[in-house]
Structures are given as structure tokens and as C-alpha cells.
Protein backbone atom coordinates (compact mmCIF):
# COMPACT_ATOMS: atom_id res chain seq x y z
CA MET A 1 -34.01 57.78 -81.38
CA SER A 2 -36.19 55.07 -81.92
CA SER A 3 -36.89 52.50 -78.91
CA LEU A 4 -35.77 48.90 -78.77
CA PRO A 5 -38.22 46.13 -78.91
CA GLU A 6 -38.32 44.55 -75.22
CA SER A 7 -37.02 41.22 -76.77
CA LYS A 8 -33.75 43.15 -77.62
CA MET A 9 -33.26 44.03 -74.35
CA ASN A 10 -33.40 40.60 -73.08
CA THR A 11 -31.45 39.16 -76.20
CA ILE A 12 -31.39 35.51 -76.32
CA ILE A 13 -27.96 34.96 -78.03
CA ASP A 14 -28.29 33.99 -81.68
CA ASP A 15 -25.56 31.68 -83.09
CA GLN A 16 -25.28 34.30 -85.89
CA VAL A 17 -23.59 36.52 -83.48
CA TYR A 18 -20.62 34.91 -83.46
CA PHE A 19 -20.55 32.29 -86.45
CA GLN A 20 -21.18 35.09 -89.27
CA LYS A 21 -18.10 36.66 -87.89
CA ARG A 22 -16.11 33.74 -88.20
CA THR A 23 -17.33 33.27 -91.72
CA PHE A 24 -16.41 36.97 -92.54
CA PHE A 25 -12.93 36.69 -90.84
CA ASP A 26 -11.99 33.38 -92.43
CA ALA A 27 -12.68 35.17 -95.95
CA ASP A 28 -9.85 37.62 -95.45
CA ARG A 29 -12.50 40.38 -95.28
CA THR A 30 -10.58 42.35 -92.62
CA LYS A 31 -6.95 41.88 -93.49
CA SER A 32 -6.24 44.80 -96.02
CA ILE A 33 -5.42 48.35 -94.73
CA ASP A 34 -8.09 49.78 -97.05
CA PHE A 35 -10.72 48.01 -95.11
CA ARG A 36 -9.23 48.87 -91.51
CA MET A 37 -9.05 52.53 -92.39
CA LYS A 38 -12.40 52.81 -93.93
CA GLN A 39 -13.96 50.81 -90.59
CA LEU A 40 -11.90 53.87 -88.63
CA ASN A 41 -13.28 56.45 -90.39
CA HIS A 42 -16.45 55.01 -90.12
CA LEU A 43 -16.61 54.84 -86.19
CA GLU A 44 -15.03 58.37 -86.31
CA ASN A 45 -17.67 59.70 -88.25
CA MET A 46 -20.61 57.93 -86.51
CA ILE A 47 -19.11 59.58 -83.44
CA ARG A 48 -18.84 63.05 -84.76
CA ASN A 49 -22.42 62.74 -86.26
CA ASN A 50 -24.35 61.77 -83.13
CA GLU A 51 -22.39 63.93 -80.51
CA THR A 52 -25.51 65.26 -79.12
CA GLU A 53 -27.08 61.95 -78.69
CA ILE A 54 -24.42 60.54 -76.93
CA LEU A 55 -23.90 63.35 -74.57
CA THR A 56 -27.89 63.37 -73.88
CA ALA A 57 -27.59 59.52 -73.24
CA LEU A 58 -24.67 60.12 -70.72
CA SER A 59 -26.62 62.71 -69.01
CA LYS A 60 -29.98 60.85 -68.68
CA ASP A 61 -27.64 57.79 -67.45
CA LEU A 62 -25.25 59.55 -65.06
CA GLY A 63 -25.98 63.06 -64.45
CA LYS A 64 -22.35 64.11 -66.79
CA PRO A 65 -21.81 67.38 -67.33
CA ALA A 66 -21.41 68.15 -70.87
CA PHE A 67 -17.82 69.21 -70.58
CA GLU A 68 -16.58 66.22 -68.62
CA ALA A 69 -18.71 63.68 -70.79
CA TYR A 70 -17.26 65.32 -74.23
CA THR A 71 -13.32 65.48 -72.69
CA SER A 72 -13.62 61.79 -71.02
CA GLU A 73 -16.04 59.78 -73.76
CA ILE A 74 -15.84 61.64 -76.64
CA GLY A 75 -12.64 63.61 -77.10
CA VAL A 76 -10.40 60.89 -76.04
CA LEU A 77 -12.00 58.55 -78.48
CA TYR A 78 -11.13 60.90 -81.27
CA LYS A 79 -7.38 60.87 -80.30
CA GLU A 80 -6.92 57.35 -80.15
CA ILE A 81 -8.86 57.13 -83.84
CA GLN A 82 -6.42 59.73 -85.17
CA GLU A 83 -3.56 57.95 -83.72
CA ALA A 84 -4.71 54.78 -85.39
CA LYS A 85 -4.93 55.99 -88.68
CA LYS A 86 -1.93 57.94 -88.45
CA HIS A 87 0.40 55.24 -87.53
CA LEU A 88 -1.50 52.00 -88.91
CA ARG A 89 0.42 51.14 -92.04
CA LEU A 90 3.88 51.33 -90.07
CA TRP A 91 2.02 49.06 -87.36
CA MET A 92 0.94 46.71 -89.92
CA LYS A 93 4.50 46.49 -91.81
CA PRO A 94 6.69 43.06 -91.14
CA THR A 95 9.41 43.87 -88.53
CA LYS A 96 12.69 42.84 -89.50
CA VAL A 97 14.74 41.50 -86.94
CA LYS A 98 18.56 40.40 -86.46
CA THR A 99 19.83 36.77 -87.10
CA PRO A 100 22.13 34.66 -85.35
CA LEU A 101 25.04 33.61 -87.50
CA ILE A 102 24.61 29.93 -86.97
CA LEU A 103 21.02 30.53 -88.77
CA HIS A 104 22.61 31.82 -92.00
CA PRO A 105 22.09 32.19 -94.43
CA SER A 106 18.69 33.07 -93.52
CA SER A 107 16.72 36.39 -92.36
CA SER A 108 14.08 36.83 -89.60
CA TYR A 109 11.07 39.12 -89.12
CA MET A 110 7.46 39.13 -87.09
CA LEU A 111 4.40 39.52 -88.81
CA LYS A 112 1.28 41.03 -87.06
CA GLU A 113 -2.19 39.16 -87.72
CA PRO A 114 -5.63 39.83 -86.28
CA LEU A 115 -6.53 37.42 -83.65
CA GLY A 116 -9.86 36.66 -85.06
CA VAL A 117 -13.61 36.98 -83.57
CA VAL A 118 -13.02 39.06 -80.35
CA LEU A 119 -15.68 39.83 -77.54
CA ILE A 120 -15.56 43.69 -75.37
CA ILE A 121 -17.51 43.96 -72.47
CA GLY A 122 -17.60 47.39 -71.51
CA PRO A 123 -18.68 48.90 -67.64
CA TRP A 124 -21.05 51.28 -66.57
CA ASN A 125 -19.04 54.34 -65.31
CA TYR A 126 -17.43 55.67 -68.40
CA PRO A 127 -19.95 53.42 -70.82
CA PHE A 128 -19.12 54.84 -74.11
CA GLN A 129 -15.49 55.04 -73.95
CA LEU A 130 -14.39 52.27 -72.48
CA LEU A 131 -16.55 50.21 -74.50
CA LEU A 132 -15.19 52.22 -77.70
CA ALA A 133 -11.68 52.55 -77.08
CA PRO A 134 -10.83 48.86 -77.52
CA VAL A 135 -12.92 48.75 -80.38
CA ILE A 136 -10.03 50.88 -81.90
CA GLY A 137 -7.30 48.47 -81.59
CA ALA A 138 -9.22 45.63 -82.67
CA ILE A 139 -10.68 47.20 -86.05
CA ALA A 140 -7.16 48.41 -86.49
CA ALA A 141 -5.59 44.91 -86.13
CA GLY A 142 -8.35 43.31 -88.20
CA ASN A 143 -10.51 41.69 -85.84
CA CYS A 144 -14.49 41.23 -85.97
CA ILE A 145 -15.88 42.32 -82.93
CA VAL A 146 -18.97 41.21 -80.53
CA LEU A 147 -19.61 44.27 -77.95
CA LYS A 148 -21.58 43.79 -74.85
CA PRO A 149 -22.21 47.35 -73.12
CA SER A 150 -23.49 47.70 -69.41
CA ASP A 151 -26.85 47.22 -68.61
CA GLN A 152 -26.58 49.74 -65.88
CA THR A 153 -26.82 52.54 -68.39
CA PRO A 154 -29.88 51.59 -70.64
CA HIS A 155 -29.66 54.94 -72.57
CA ILE A 156 -26.23 55.15 -73.87
CA SER A 157 -26.17 51.05 -74.46
CA GLN A 158 -29.38 51.58 -76.40
CA LEU A 159 -27.92 54.21 -78.62
CA ILE A 160 -24.59 52.30 -79.01
CA TYR A 161 -27.09 49.23 -80.28
CA GLU A 162 -28.49 51.43 -82.83
CA LEU A 163 -25.41 53.37 -83.88
CA ILE A 164 -23.11 50.41 -84.34
CA HIS A 165 -25.88 48.36 -86.66
CA GLN A 166 -26.31 51.51 -88.61
CA THR A 167 -22.58 51.97 -89.16
CA PHE A 168 -21.13 48.57 -89.88
CA ALA A 169 -22.41 45.03 -91.19
CA SER A 170 -23.14 42.94 -88.43
CA ASP A 171 -20.90 40.15 -89.51
CA PHE A 172 -18.17 42.79 -88.60
CA ILE A 173 -19.41 44.21 -85.26
CA SER A 174 -22.55 43.69 -83.50
CA VAL A 175 -23.80 44.59 -80.03
CA VAL A 176 -25.51 42.20 -77.68
CA LEU A 177 -27.59 43.98 -74.90
CA GLY A 178 -29.14 42.21 -71.92
CA ASP A 179 -28.34 41.30 -68.24
CA GLY A 180 -24.79 41.60 -67.97
CA ALA A 181 -23.96 38.29 -66.32
CA ASN A 182 -26.66 36.05 -68.14
CA VAL A 183 -25.42 37.28 -71.51
CA GLY A 184 -21.98 37.27 -70.87
CA ASP A 185 -21.98 34.03 -69.59
CA GLN A 186 -24.11 32.70 -72.48
CA LEU A 187 -21.23 34.31 -74.87
CA LEU A 188 -18.60 32.86 -73.03
CA GLU A 189 -19.82 29.15 -72.49
CA ARG A 190 -21.21 28.84 -76.19
CA PHE A 191 -18.72 30.37 -78.58
CA ARG A 192 -14.95 30.51 -78.35
CA PHE A 193 -13.30 33.67 -79.06
CA ASP A 194 -10.10 34.50 -79.64
CA HIS A 195 -9.82 36.99 -77.02
CA VAL A 196 -11.80 38.56 -74.60
CA PHE A 197 -11.46 42.40 -73.20
CA PHE A 198 -13.12 43.39 -70.04
CA THR A 199 -13.40 46.63 -68.32
CA GLY A 200 -15.06 46.40 -64.97
CA SER A 201 -14.47 45.36 -60.86
CA PRO A 202 -12.03 42.71 -59.98
CA GLY A 203 -14.91 39.92 -59.05
CA VAL A 204 -16.33 40.21 -62.23
CA GLY A 205 -13.05 40.22 -64.11
CA ARG A 206 -12.38 37.05 -62.04
CA HIS A 207 -15.47 35.23 -63.18
CA ILE A 208 -14.53 36.09 -66.75
CA ALA A 209 -11.07 34.74 -66.67
CA MET A 210 -12.45 31.39 -65.20
CA LYS A 211 -15.12 31.04 -67.96
CA ALA A 212 -12.63 32.27 -70.57
CA ALA A 213 -9.94 30.02 -69.09
CA ALA A 214 -11.95 26.84 -69.77
CA GLN A 215 -11.38 27.24 -73.67
CA LEU A 216 -7.99 28.66 -73.62
CA VAL A 217 -9.01 32.28 -74.39
CA PRO A 218 -6.76 35.02 -73.57
CA VAL A 219 -8.10 38.04 -71.36
CA THR A 220 -7.23 41.58 -71.21
CA LEU A 221 -8.63 42.51 -67.68
CA GLU A 222 -8.88 46.16 -66.65
CA LEU A 223 -10.20 46.38 -63.02
CA GLY A 224 -9.23 48.42 -60.41
CA GLY A 225 -8.13 48.90 -56.69
CA LYS A 226 -7.29 51.33 -54.40
CA SER A 227 -5.53 53.96 -55.92
CA PRO A 228 -3.60 56.15 -53.30
CA VAL A 229 -2.99 60.11 -53.87
CA ILE A 230 0.32 60.88 -51.75
CA VAL A 231 0.90 64.55 -50.76
CA GLU A 232 4.47 65.04 -49.42
CA LYS A 233 5.23 68.00 -47.37
CA SER A 234 7.67 69.65 -50.53
CA ALA A 235 4.29 69.67 -52.62
CA ASN A 236 2.84 73.02 -54.18
CA LEU A 237 -0.07 72.42 -51.73
CA ASP A 238 -2.63 74.80 -53.37
CA VAL A 239 -1.85 73.15 -56.84
CA ALA A 240 -1.86 69.83 -55.55
CA ALA A 241 -5.70 70.45 -53.69
CA LYS A 242 -6.74 71.97 -57.01
CA ARG A 243 -5.79 68.96 -58.93
CA ILE A 244 -6.96 66.25 -56.29
CA VAL A 245 -10.27 67.89 -56.12
CA TRP A 246 -10.42 67.83 -59.73
CA SER A 247 -9.35 64.21 -59.96
CA LYS A 248 -11.17 62.78 -57.02
CA PHE A 249 -14.50 64.14 -58.04
CA PHE A 250 -14.71 63.97 -61.54
CA ASN A 251 -17.49 62.01 -62.77
CA ALA A 252 -18.65 62.12 -59.16
CA GLY A 253 -15.90 60.03 -58.11
CA GLN A 254 -17.16 56.78 -60.18
CA THR A 255 -13.45 56.59 -62.06
CA CYS A 256 -11.15 53.42 -61.66
CA VAL A 257 -8.44 55.33 -61.59
CA CYS A 258 -9.25 58.65 -59.29
CA PRO A 259 -7.89 58.97 -56.22
CA ASP A 260 -9.11 56.47 -53.78
CA TYR A 261 -7.43 57.78 -50.54
CA LEU A 262 -5.73 60.62 -49.59
CA LEU A 263 -1.46 60.14 -47.83
CA ILE A 264 -0.99 63.31 -46.32
CA GLN A 265 2.62 64.08 -44.43
CA GLU A 266 1.46 65.08 -40.65
CA GLU A 267 3.39 68.27 -41.04
CA VAL A 268 0.99 69.71 -43.78
CA LYS A 269 -2.53 67.97 -43.17
CA ASN A 270 -4.37 70.86 -41.70
CA GLU A 271 -3.25 73.23 -44.24
CA PHE A 272 -3.97 70.78 -46.87
CA ILE A 273 -7.33 70.04 -45.96
CA THR A 274 -8.33 73.76 -45.63
CA LEU A 275 -7.07 73.94 -49.13
CA LEU A 276 -9.28 70.97 -50.19
CA LYS A 277 -12.35 72.64 -48.77
CA LYS A 278 -11.58 75.92 -50.68
CA HIS A 279 -11.25 74.53 -53.98
CA ILE A 280 -14.48 71.92 -53.48
CA ARG A 281 -16.22 75.55 -53.13
CA SER A 282 -14.57 77.04 -56.02
CA PHE A 283 -15.32 74.20 -58.38
CA PHE A 284 -19.35 73.50 -57.25
CA GLY A 285 -20.23 76.04 -54.93
CA GLU A 286 -21.77 75.91 -51.84
CA ASP A 287 -24.19 73.74 -52.87
CA ALA A 288 -23.03 71.19 -55.44
CA MET A 289 -26.32 69.72 -56.19
CA LYS A 290 -27.23 73.03 -57.88
CA SER A 291 -23.77 72.78 -59.94
CA LYS A 292 -23.86 71.99 -63.85
CA SER A 293 -20.50 70.87 -63.20
CA TYR A 294 -21.12 67.69 -60.84
CA GLY A 295 -22.39 64.47 -61.69
CA ARG A 296 -24.75 61.97 -60.08
CA ILE A 297 -24.37 58.35 -58.65
CA ILE A 298 -25.23 55.24 -61.16
CA ASN A 299 -27.92 53.86 -59.34
CA ASP A 300 -29.87 53.23 -56.03
CA ARG A 301 -27.42 49.98 -55.34
CA ARG A 302 -24.45 52.11 -55.53
CA MET A 303 -26.24 54.55 -53.20
CA ASP A 304 -26.67 52.37 -50.33
CA THR A 305 -23.18 51.11 -50.96
CA LEU A 306 -21.92 54.73 -50.50
CA ARG A 307 -24.06 55.65 -47.77
CA GLY A 308 -22.76 52.44 -45.33
CA LEU A 309 -18.97 53.73 -46.29
CA MET A 310 -19.87 57.11 -44.95
CA SER A 311 -20.78 55.83 -41.62
CA GLN A 312 -17.18 55.45 -40.74
CA GLY A 313 -14.71 58.07 -39.55
CA THR A 314 -15.39 61.65 -39.11
CA ILE A 315 -16.94 63.38 -42.14
CA ILE A 316 -15.04 66.91 -42.15
CA HIS A 317 -16.90 68.43 -45.32
CA GLY A 318 -19.77 67.29 -47.08
CA GLY A 319 -21.85 64.40 -46.59
CA ARG A 320 -25.37 65.30 -47.77
CA ILE A 321 -27.02 62.84 -49.82
CA GLU A 322 -30.53 63.24 -51.95
CA GLU A 323 -31.91 60.36 -52.72
CA THR A 324 -34.38 60.80 -55.19
CA HIS A 325 -31.64 62.77 -57.12
CA HIS A 326 -28.95 60.26 -56.89
CA TYR A 327 -26.57 62.92 -55.36
CA ILE A 328 -24.07 62.50 -52.76
CA GLU A 329 -22.06 66.16 -51.79
CA PRO A 330 -18.17 65.82 -52.28
CA THR A 331 -17.26 64.56 -49.04
CA LEU A 332 -13.81 64.53 -47.05
CA ILE A 333 -13.66 61.97 -44.15
CA ASP A 334 -10.96 61.93 -41.54
CA ASP A 335 -9.91 59.63 -38.62
CA VAL A 336 -10.23 56.44 -40.97
CA THR A 337 -8.47 53.37 -40.21
CA LEU A 338 -7.05 50.13 -42.41
CA GLU A 339 -9.85 48.25 -40.64
CA ASP A 340 -12.79 50.19 -41.77
CA ASP A 341 -14.67 49.10 -44.72
CA ILE A 342 -14.03 52.22 -46.41
CA MET A 343 -9.99 51.41 -46.99
CA LYS A 344 -10.70 47.67 -48.04
CA GLU A 345 -12.62 48.26 -51.03
CA GLU A 346 -12.91 50.37 -53.98
CA ILE A 347 -15.06 53.31 -53.10
CA PHE A 348 -16.08 54.65 -56.98
CA GLY A 349 -18.23 57.87 -55.30
CA PRO A 350 -17.34 61.09 -54.18
CA LEU A 351 -15.82 60.19 -50.64
CA LEU A 352 -12.21 60.98 -50.00
CA PRO A 353 -10.92 58.88 -46.60
CA ILE A 354 -7.71 60.91 -45.55
CA MET A 355 -4.71 59.26 -43.58
CA THR A 356 -1.51 60.70 -42.25
CA TYR A 357 1.95 59.39 -42.60
CA ARG A 358 5.10 60.39 -40.82
CA THR A 359 7.77 58.62 -43.09
CA GLN A 360 7.94 57.19 -46.69
CA GLU A 361 8.17 54.04 -45.22
CA GLU A 362 4.92 54.04 -43.01
CA ALA A 363 3.13 55.25 -46.53
CA VAL A 364 4.41 52.36 -48.07
CA ALA A 365 3.03 50.19 -45.52
CA ILE A 366 -0.25 51.52 -45.80
CA ILE A 367 -0.34 51.28 -49.69
CA ARG A 368 0.68 47.84 -48.87
CA LYS A 369 -2.35 46.94 -47.30
CA ASN A 370 -4.23 47.28 -50.74
CA ARG A 371 -1.33 46.07 -52.56
CA TYR A 372 -1.21 46.88 -56.73
CA PRO A 373 -3.45 49.67 -57.14
CA LEU A 374 -4.56 50.25 -60.73
CA ALA A 375 -2.56 54.32 -60.33
CA LEU A 376 -0.77 56.14 -57.95
CA TYR A 377 -0.48 59.88 -58.00
CA LEU A 378 2.31 61.37 -56.11
CA TYR A 379 2.61 65.24 -55.16
CA THR A 380 6.19 66.13 -54.21
CA GLU A 381 8.84 68.68 -55.29
CA SER A 382 11.29 66.63 -53.89
CA SER A 383 13.48 64.12 -56.77
CA SER A 384 14.47 61.89 -54.11
CA VAL A 385 10.95 61.62 -52.36
CA GLU A 386 9.66 60.50 -56.75
CA SER A 387 12.40 58.03 -56.96
CA PHE A 388 11.73 56.39 -53.69
CA PHE A 389 8.22 56.21 -54.19
CA MET A 390 8.40 54.95 -57.87
CA GLU A 391 10.67 52.39 -56.81
CA LYS A 392 8.81 50.93 -53.69
CA VAL A 393 5.16 50.58 -54.76
CA GLU A 394 3.54 48.75 -57.72
CA PHE A 395 1.15 50.03 -59.39
CA GLY A 396 -0.18 50.12 -63.04
CA GLY A 397 0.73 53.93 -64.03
CA GLY A 398 -0.07 57.58 -62.43
CA CYS A 399 1.05 61.08 -62.37
CA ILE A 400 3.59 62.87 -60.46
CA ASN A 401 1.82 66.33 -59.74
CA ASN A 402 -1.10 65.80 -61.50
CA GLY A 403 -4.13 63.17 -61.44
CA MET A 404 -5.69 60.82 -63.68
CA VAL A 405 -4.13 62.67 -67.18
CA HIS A 406 -1.94 59.66 -67.83
CA LEU A 407 -4.91 57.82 -69.62
CA MET A 408 -4.86 60.85 -72.25
CA ASN A 409 -1.23 60.04 -73.62
CA ALA A 410 -1.74 57.30 -76.22
CA GLN A 411 1.72 56.66 -76.28
CA LEU A 412 1.47 55.09 -72.73
CA PRO A 413 0.10 51.68 -72.11
CA PHE A 414 -2.98 51.88 -69.73
CA GLY A 415 -3.11 48.59 -67.63
CA GLY A 416 -3.03 47.20 -64.30
CA VAL A 417 -0.89 45.14 -62.35
CA GLY A 418 -1.38 42.27 -59.99
CA GLY A 419 -5.10 42.46 -58.76
CA SER A 420 -5.69 45.40 -60.49
CA GLY A 421 -5.55 44.22 -64.23
CA ILE A 422 -4.27 41.96 -67.00
CA GLY A 423 -2.54 43.15 -70.16
CA ALA A 424 -2.51 46.99 -71.36
CA TYR A 425 -3.76 49.00 -74.01
CA HIS A 426 -3.97 52.87 -75.94
CA GLY A 427 -2.35 53.75 -79.08
CA LYS A 428 -0.24 51.32 -80.65
CA HIS A 429 -0.41 49.19 -77.31
CA SER A 430 -4.23 48.20 -78.46
CA PHE A 431 -3.11 47.23 -81.85
CA ASP A 432 -0.44 45.11 -80.15
CA ARG A 433 -3.25 43.80 -78.04
CA PHE A 434 -5.52 42.59 -80.57
CA SER A 435 -2.82 41.26 -82.52
CA HIS A 436 -0.74 38.26 -82.77
CA THR A 437 3.15 38.53 -83.48
CA LYS A 438 3.73 35.60 -85.97
CA SER A 439 7.93 34.84 -85.89
CA ILE A 440 9.47 33.93 -88.86
CA VAL A 441 12.65 32.83 -89.82
CA LYS A 442 13.47 32.49 -94.06
CA THR A 443 16.28 30.28 -95.05
CA SER A 444 17.95 30.61 -98.81
CA THR A 445 18.17 27.32 -100.56
CA ARG A 446 21.14 28.00 -102.42
CA LEU A 447 23.83 27.39 -99.76
CA ASP A 448 22.90 24.38 -97.15
CA PRO A 449 25.65 23.91 -94.52
CA SER A 450 25.93 20.93 -92.57
CA LEU A 451 26.94 21.60 -89.35
CA ARG A 452 23.64 20.65 -88.06
CA TYR A 453 23.00 17.72 -89.81
CA ALA A 454 24.13 13.80 -88.84
CA PRO A 455 25.98 12.33 -88.44
CA TYR A 456 27.32 14.31 -85.48
CA THR A 457 31.16 14.52 -85.25
CA GLU A 458 33.61 15.82 -82.71
CA LYS A 459 34.80 18.77 -84.90
CA LYS A 460 31.01 20.00 -85.22
CA LEU A 461 30.68 19.57 -81.41
CA ARG A 462 33.77 22.05 -80.98
CA ILE A 463 32.26 24.40 -83.20
CA ALA A 464 28.87 24.36 -81.47
CA LYS A 465 30.27 24.85 -78.05
CA HIS A 466 32.52 27.63 -79.50
CA TYR A 467 29.22 29.28 -80.94
CA PHE A 468 27.14 28.98 -77.87
CA SER A 469 29.98 29.52 -75.19
CA LYS A 470 30.10 33.31 -76.55
């Protein structure tokens, strides 16, 4: 893979980045199903032909084990592309709806049309998948696209730049590199995109939303929050511990939907902590730093943040830090309170704070201190407990007796609620996210009832009242 010139890594935005795409879109080049299917095939082939390079770049940036990188960054994209290709013709088809009698003789239908030129801004934790997954929906819906990868993952961002520019015409899709804040602000201030799709932190998401609002540009914000995992006393504790260890320490805890903290019912706390420790050792060995199945922290700044959070509570497992390797051991932390910093911000690392609860109401009260999590995970064998938490807690999405796997079902929309996000995508929801639904009433001219025309009479009013009161 060739190196990018230094000037490319500090891109000054060229007007062509935007205006070529506007011209391309206005010429209706993206609207046929043949064009869209061809571009989806190009994207799929681009990924398949470069799997080794993608995995290598992800390892360099994040120390991702090949299995984790393939399943979470590559495999899920194949499934999303296949879903789009399989159903695209149906998604594009006009949808007929019922027409009220008062509009007779008319028919009604909805048309899906592309938004235009869209901006997609990706994060650093899953820098390949979370940038390209929305691209699938944007292509399927017939849009032109500007991509902004994370500047914190230089190897995969550089690779994305090269692959996209080798695969697609630049007036259809292009990539802009450089410092995230500066480049993002340039793009949002100089051009009016038809949609902005951002995945990242709530703070940056708020800034992007304000910039977009100045031009009345709609946004999708995939953010985060403190996602609880609740273990109720009826749960299969061994299975729960195994699945929580997997979901918490996948990508070294740098996942927006991983369990952020554990709420364990008091009666089973000690037994469950023993099981957590057992499965940490069974997954990663006695020294996780030597494990080929355990990732690394993104950078020094993140290391500093996590080290500060580890100073609170009592470490009951793990805690080892190796600065030069960006390594933090899978760590369990007990004796935390809601006043500690670790319970006030999203952790984004391999630290699992533990809190206990006695009653379901107490658990809900704890969760509501960090309201609207992106995900919630509940381990229980009780249907009544399941119903209670599903009804009482507002959250984006989640699992019962599992963790994170709801993202793998393209039939389910993925997105947050409240402070954890605006809008959802995946599968048809991605197509809808990047489409406008145009509503049409088509009326025949063979008949032309006079009811709605002046002059208005008492008889017409009686007919109208009869119709609208039913």
C-alpha cells in the first residue's frame, strides 16, 4: 500500500469534493436500480479483495485480534450488503396506501427518493465498519457520499482513502482525511449536505448537530451512554458471566454498546464475581497481555483517562497497565458509587464497575441517574422481571440473556434514544434513513365531484360533518 502525501493527510477542502457530487446527483446518475446494485457489488468486492490489508491496518491501529476484527468490521458488512442487494428492488418500489372516500376518484402512494449529497463521519473504535455500514444504506438509497474517517486511526483511514478512490468515481464517493474537528467544521460550514450521519461521542455529536442546524440539515447521531448489564438472581449465572466477559472485553471494552457497568442482585453478587474472574482467565489466560485474543487501547490520551477512572473504587481483579503497549488488563472494580467519575461518564475501556441492587425499583433508580443508555442487557429466567425492565427503562436497544448481538440482526433498527442518539439504521432502516418518502395522491379527471368547491351550502356542510365525525 502506498503512502499518502503529507498534504493529503491535512486536507484543505476542495470545492470539487462537494460540487462534483451535486452535479453527478442532479444528472440522475444514481437513481437507477442497476447503478445502485453495481455500486453495492463494487463495495463488496473492494472489501473481499482487501481483507488481509484491512485486518493488518486494524491491528496496527487498535491491536485487534483477527477474529474480532473480521467478525465486527468485515463480516457484518457482508451481511448488510447482501441484505441490501436482496431487497433493494422491493425497497425502491412505490408503496400503495389506502385513500379516504372523500378524495375519490383518487389513489395514493409513496415514493422513496434519495436525499442527495450526504456526509458520513466515522469513529475510531470500529473505524472500518462504522464508517462503511451507513455507506451501504446511502448507496442503496441513491445518494452521493463524502466520507470522513477518524484521524485517530491513521492506518485504516489511509487504507479507506486509497480503496474508495480506487473503487468509485470521485464525483460519486470520495474520502476527506485530516484533523477531525477542523475538517468536519470546514465541511459543515462551506457546504449544505442533504444529511449528516455521525457516529461518535455525545459531545462531538452535539457540536455537529448545532453546525448542521444552521443550514437546516437533518442529522443522524449514533452516540453512546452508560449501558447497564443487569444480572437478576434467577439468571443462569455461569452463562451470564461468560457472555458478559465476552461482550465487555471485546475490542478491549472500546465499544459503544458494550456493558458499561454491572448491576448485580445482592444475593448472588459474590458467586457471580467468582464466575466473572473464572471466565476472564479462561478467555485470556493468566496474563491477558500475552493473549492473541485481547486488544489494545487506542492511544495515550485514552490510557490517561482510563487510569484516572481506575483510581476510584476497589480493584478486585486485574488493574495492570503497560503504557508502552497501550495495554490495560481486564479489570473488575467494586465499591463504586454514583458520585464517582467512573459512574458519570462512558468508560470506553476494559473496566467493569460493579454495583449491587436489592429490588427492581432500586435498579431502575440507579439506571436513571444516567438516563437513556444506548443499550441495556438483562440476564434473568423470569418473564415478569423481563417485562418490568423492558417497560420501565428507556434505552436504544439491547438483549435478554445476551450482549451486543442485537447489532447483528439487519432486521432490527440500531440507534439510541434521548442523549444516546437520534435516528436508527441497519438493513431497510438504513435505506429509509437516506431516503425521503414522497407522498402522492393521483386523481382521475373523469369525475370531478363538486363537494369541496364554492359556493358552500348547508347540504355540503352536513355531508362534511357526517364524513369527519365517523
